[in-house]
C-alpha atoms as a PDB file:
ATOM      1  CA  MET A   1     -17.923 -19.776   0.401  1.00  0.00           C
ATOM      2  CA  SER A   2     -14.176 -19.157   0.727  1.00  0.00           C
ATOM      3  CA  ALA A   3     -12.558 -18.450   4.068  1.00  0.00           C
ATOM      4  CA  ASP A   4     -10.444 -15.310   4.378  1.00  0.00           C
ATOM      5  CA  LYS A   5      -7.062 -16.425   5.697  1.00  0.00           C
ATOM      6  CA  ARG A   6      -5.634 -12.972   6.391  1.00  0.00           C
ATOM      7  CA  ARG A   7      -4.142 -12.341   9.822  1.00  0.00           C
ATOM      8  CA  SER A   8      -6.104  -9.125  10.249  1.00  0.00           C
ATOM      9  CA  PRO A   9      -9.281  -7.703   8.661  1.00  0.00           C
ATOM     10  CA  ARG A  10      -9.065  -5.292   5.732  1.00  0.00           C
ATOM     11  CA  LEU A  11     -10.652  -1.870   5.716  1.00  0.00           C
ATOM     12  CA  LYS A  12     -11.965  -0.739   2.303  1.00  0.00           C
ATOM     13  CA  VAL A  13     -10.537   2.698   1.615  1.00  0.00           C
ATOM     14  CA  ASN A  14     -10.375   3.595  -2.108  1.00  0.00           C
ATOM     15  CA  SER A  15      -8.289   6.729  -1.563  1.00  0.00           C
ATOM     16  CA  GLN A  16      -5.215   8.246  -3.160  1.00  0.00           C
ATOM     17  CA  ALA A  17      -1.790   7.179  -1.997  1.00  0.00           C
ATOM     18  CA  TRP A  18       1.746   7.612  -3.327  1.00  0.00           C
ATOM     19  CA  ILE A  19       4.604   5.200  -4.002  1.00  0.00           C
ATOM     20  CA  ASP A  20       8.246   6.222  -3.547  1.00  0.00           C
ATOM     21  CA  PHE A  21      10.629   3.877  -5.335  1.00  0.00           C
ATOM     22  CA  GLY A  22      13.524   5.254  -3.298  1.00  0.00           C
ATOM     23  CA  ASP A  23      15.617   6.035  -6.372  1.00  0.00           C
ATOM     24  CA  GLY A  24      15.156   9.810  -6.418  1.00  0.00           C
ATOM     25  CA  SER A  25      12.392   9.720  -9.047  1.00  0.00           C
ATOM     26  CA  PRO A  26       9.112  11.541  -8.385  1.00  0.00           C
ATOM     27  CA  VAL A  27       6.539   9.708  -6.273  1.00  0.00           C
ATOM     28  CA  ARG A  28       3.831   7.925  -8.245  1.00  0.00           C
ATOM     29  CA  ARG A  29       0.143   8.187  -7.481  1.00  0.00           C
ATOM     30  CA  CYS A  30      -1.862   5.018  -6.888  1.00  0.00           C
ATOM     31  CA  THR A  31      -5.172   4.022  -5.327  1.00  0.00           C
ATOM     32  CA  LEU A  32      -5.191   2.434  -1.902  1.00  0.00           C
ATOM     33  CA  VAL A  33      -8.015  -0.087  -2.331  1.00  0.00           C
ATOM     34  CA  ASP A  34      -7.932  -1.615   1.142  1.00  0.00           C
ATOM     35  CA  ILE A  35      -5.608  -1.805   4.129  1.00  0.00           C
ATOM     36  CA  SER A  36      -4.988  -3.791   7.305  1.00  0.00           C
ATOM     37  CA  LYS A  37      -2.344  -3.610  10.003  1.00  0.00           C
ATOM     38  CA  ASN A  38      -0.279  -6.164   8.037  1.00  0.00           C
ATOM     39  CA  GLY A  39      -0.677  -5.049   4.424  1.00  0.00           C
ATOM     40  CA  ALA A  40      -2.737  -3.440   1.696  1.00  0.00           C
ATOM     41  CA  ARG A  41      -3.999  -3.733  -1.842  1.00  0.00           C
ATOM     42  CA  LEU A  42      -3.147  -1.049  -4.384  1.00  0.00           C
ATOM     43  CA  GLU A  43      -4.267  -0.200  -7.890  1.00  0.00           C
ATOM     44  CA  VAL A  44      -1.288   1.041  -9.911  1.00  0.00           C
ATOM     45  CA  GLU A  45      -1.151   2.161 -13.565  1.00  0.00           C
ATOM     46  CA  ASP A  46       2.457   1.131 -14.375  1.00  0.00           C
ATOM     47  CA  ILE A  47       2.559  -1.899 -12.102  1.00  0.00           C
ATOM     48  CA  GLU A  48       5.576  -3.523 -13.773  1.00  0.00           C
ATOM     49  CA  GLU A  49       7.735  -0.522 -12.816  1.00  0.00           C
ATOM     50  CA  VAL A  50       7.050  -0.965  -9.086  1.00  0.00           C
ATOM     51  CA  PRO A  51      10.087  -2.480  -7.303  1.00  0.00           C
ATOM     52  CA  GLN A  52       9.862  -5.369  -4.838  1.00  0.00           C
ATOM     53  CA  GLU A  53      10.248  -2.957  -1.887  1.00  0.00           C
ATOM     54  CA  PHE A  54       9.160   0.681  -1.671  1.00  0.00           C
ATOM     55  CA  GLN A  55       7.699   3.370   0.609  1.00  0.00           C
ATOM     56  CA  LEU A  56       3.931   3.912   0.588  1.00  0.00           C
ATOM     57  CA  PHE A  57       2.642   7.339   1.594  1.00  0.00           C
ATOM     58  CA  LEU A  58      -0.983   7.903   2.561  1.00  0.00           C
ATOM     59  CA  ALA A  59      -0.601  11.680   2.278  1.00  0.00           C
ATOM     60  CA  ARG A  60       1.071  13.722  -0.465  1.00  0.00           C
ATOM     61  CA  THR A  61       3.293  15.324   2.202  1.00  0.00           C
ATOM     62  CA  GLY A  62       5.166  12.028   2.576  1.00  0.00           C
ATOM     63  CA  LYS A  63       4.040  11.419   6.137  1.00  0.00           C
ATOM     64  CA  PRO A  64       3.297   8.872   7.340  1.00  0.00           C
ATOM     65  CA  GLY A  65       5.369   6.530   5.200  1.00  0.00           C
ATOM     66  CA  TYR A  66       5.300   2.748   5.325  1.00  0.00           C
ATOM     67  CA  GLN A  67       8.010   0.378   4.119  1.00  0.00           C
ATOM     68  CA  CYS A  68       6.362  -2.299   1.958  1.00  0.00           C
ATOM     69  CA  SER A  69       7.174  -5.508   0.143  1.00  0.00           C
ATOM     70  CA  VAL A  70       5.181  -6.780  -2.856  1.00  0.00           C
ATOM     71  CA  VAL A  71       3.418 -10.108  -2.293  1.00  0.00           C
ATOM     72  CA  TRP A  72       1.549 -10.418  -5.592  1.00  0.00           C
ATOM     73  CA  LYS A  73       0.708  -8.518  -8.800  1.00  0.00           C
ATOM     74  CA  LEU A  74      -2.276  -9.089 -11.083  1.00  0.00           C
ATOM     75  CA  ASN A  75      -3.265  -6.720 -13.889  1.00  0.00           C
ATOM     76  CA  LYS A  76      -3.329  -3.254 -12.254  1.00  0.00           C
ATOM     77  CA  HIS A  77      -3.656  -4.579  -8.688  1.00  0.00           C
ATOM     78  CA  MET A  78      -0.970  -5.586  -6.235  1.00  0.00           C
ATOM     79  CA  GLY A  79      -0.948  -6.950  -2.726  1.00  0.00           C
ATOM     80  CA  LEU A  80       1.712  -5.826  -0.319  1.00  0.00           C
ATOM     81  CA  MET A  81       2.782  -6.477   3.213  1.00  0.00           C
ATOM     82  CA  PHE A  82       4.150  -3.924   5.594  1.00  0.00           C
ATOM     83  CA  ILE A  83       7.700  -4.769   6.598  1.00  0.00           C
ATOM     84  CA  VAL A  84       6.931  -3.493  10.103  1.00  0.00           C
ATOM     85  CA  ASP A  85       3.479  -3.941  11.683  1.00  0.00           C
ATOM     86  CA  GLN A  86       1.562  -0.708  11.004  1.00  0.00           C
ATOM     87  CA  SER A  87      -1.007  -0.733  13.789  1.00  0.00           C
ATOM     88  CA  ASP A  88      -1.407   3.044  13.523  1.00  0.00           C
ATOM     89  CA  PHE A  89      -2.795   3.024   9.962  1.00  0.00           C
ATOM     90  CA  GLN A  90      -6.298   4.021  11.118  1.00  0.00           C
ATOM     91  CA  GLU A  91      -4.957   7.310  12.491  1.00  0.00           C
ATOM     92  CA  ALA A  92      -3.049   7.917   9.251  1.00  0.00           C
ATOM     93  CA  LEU A  93      -6.203   7.439   7.160  1.00  0.00           C
ATOM     94  CA  GLU A  94      -7.886  10.244   9.084  1.00  0.00           C
ATOM     95  CA  LEU A  95      -5.302  12.850   7.944  1.00  0.00           C
END
């Protein structure tokens, strides 16, 4: 049995989210697989196009937005960390 070494527990979500590259291009839809106060895991179709840092939106309206940095990429999945601790993510998921 492997030990989970994450700093905070993940909440399984499997909901739509949107990535903003910050370059003026349209936001891209992705699936928010799970989330914690420190980071998240996404499923993204065109994963190689995702920059090292971007904004993640949990609602199509663009609010709230979270500044993220990519930690790893594998197939269509990627792990990211929030650049600032996002302790309020639970409230955002209830939008």
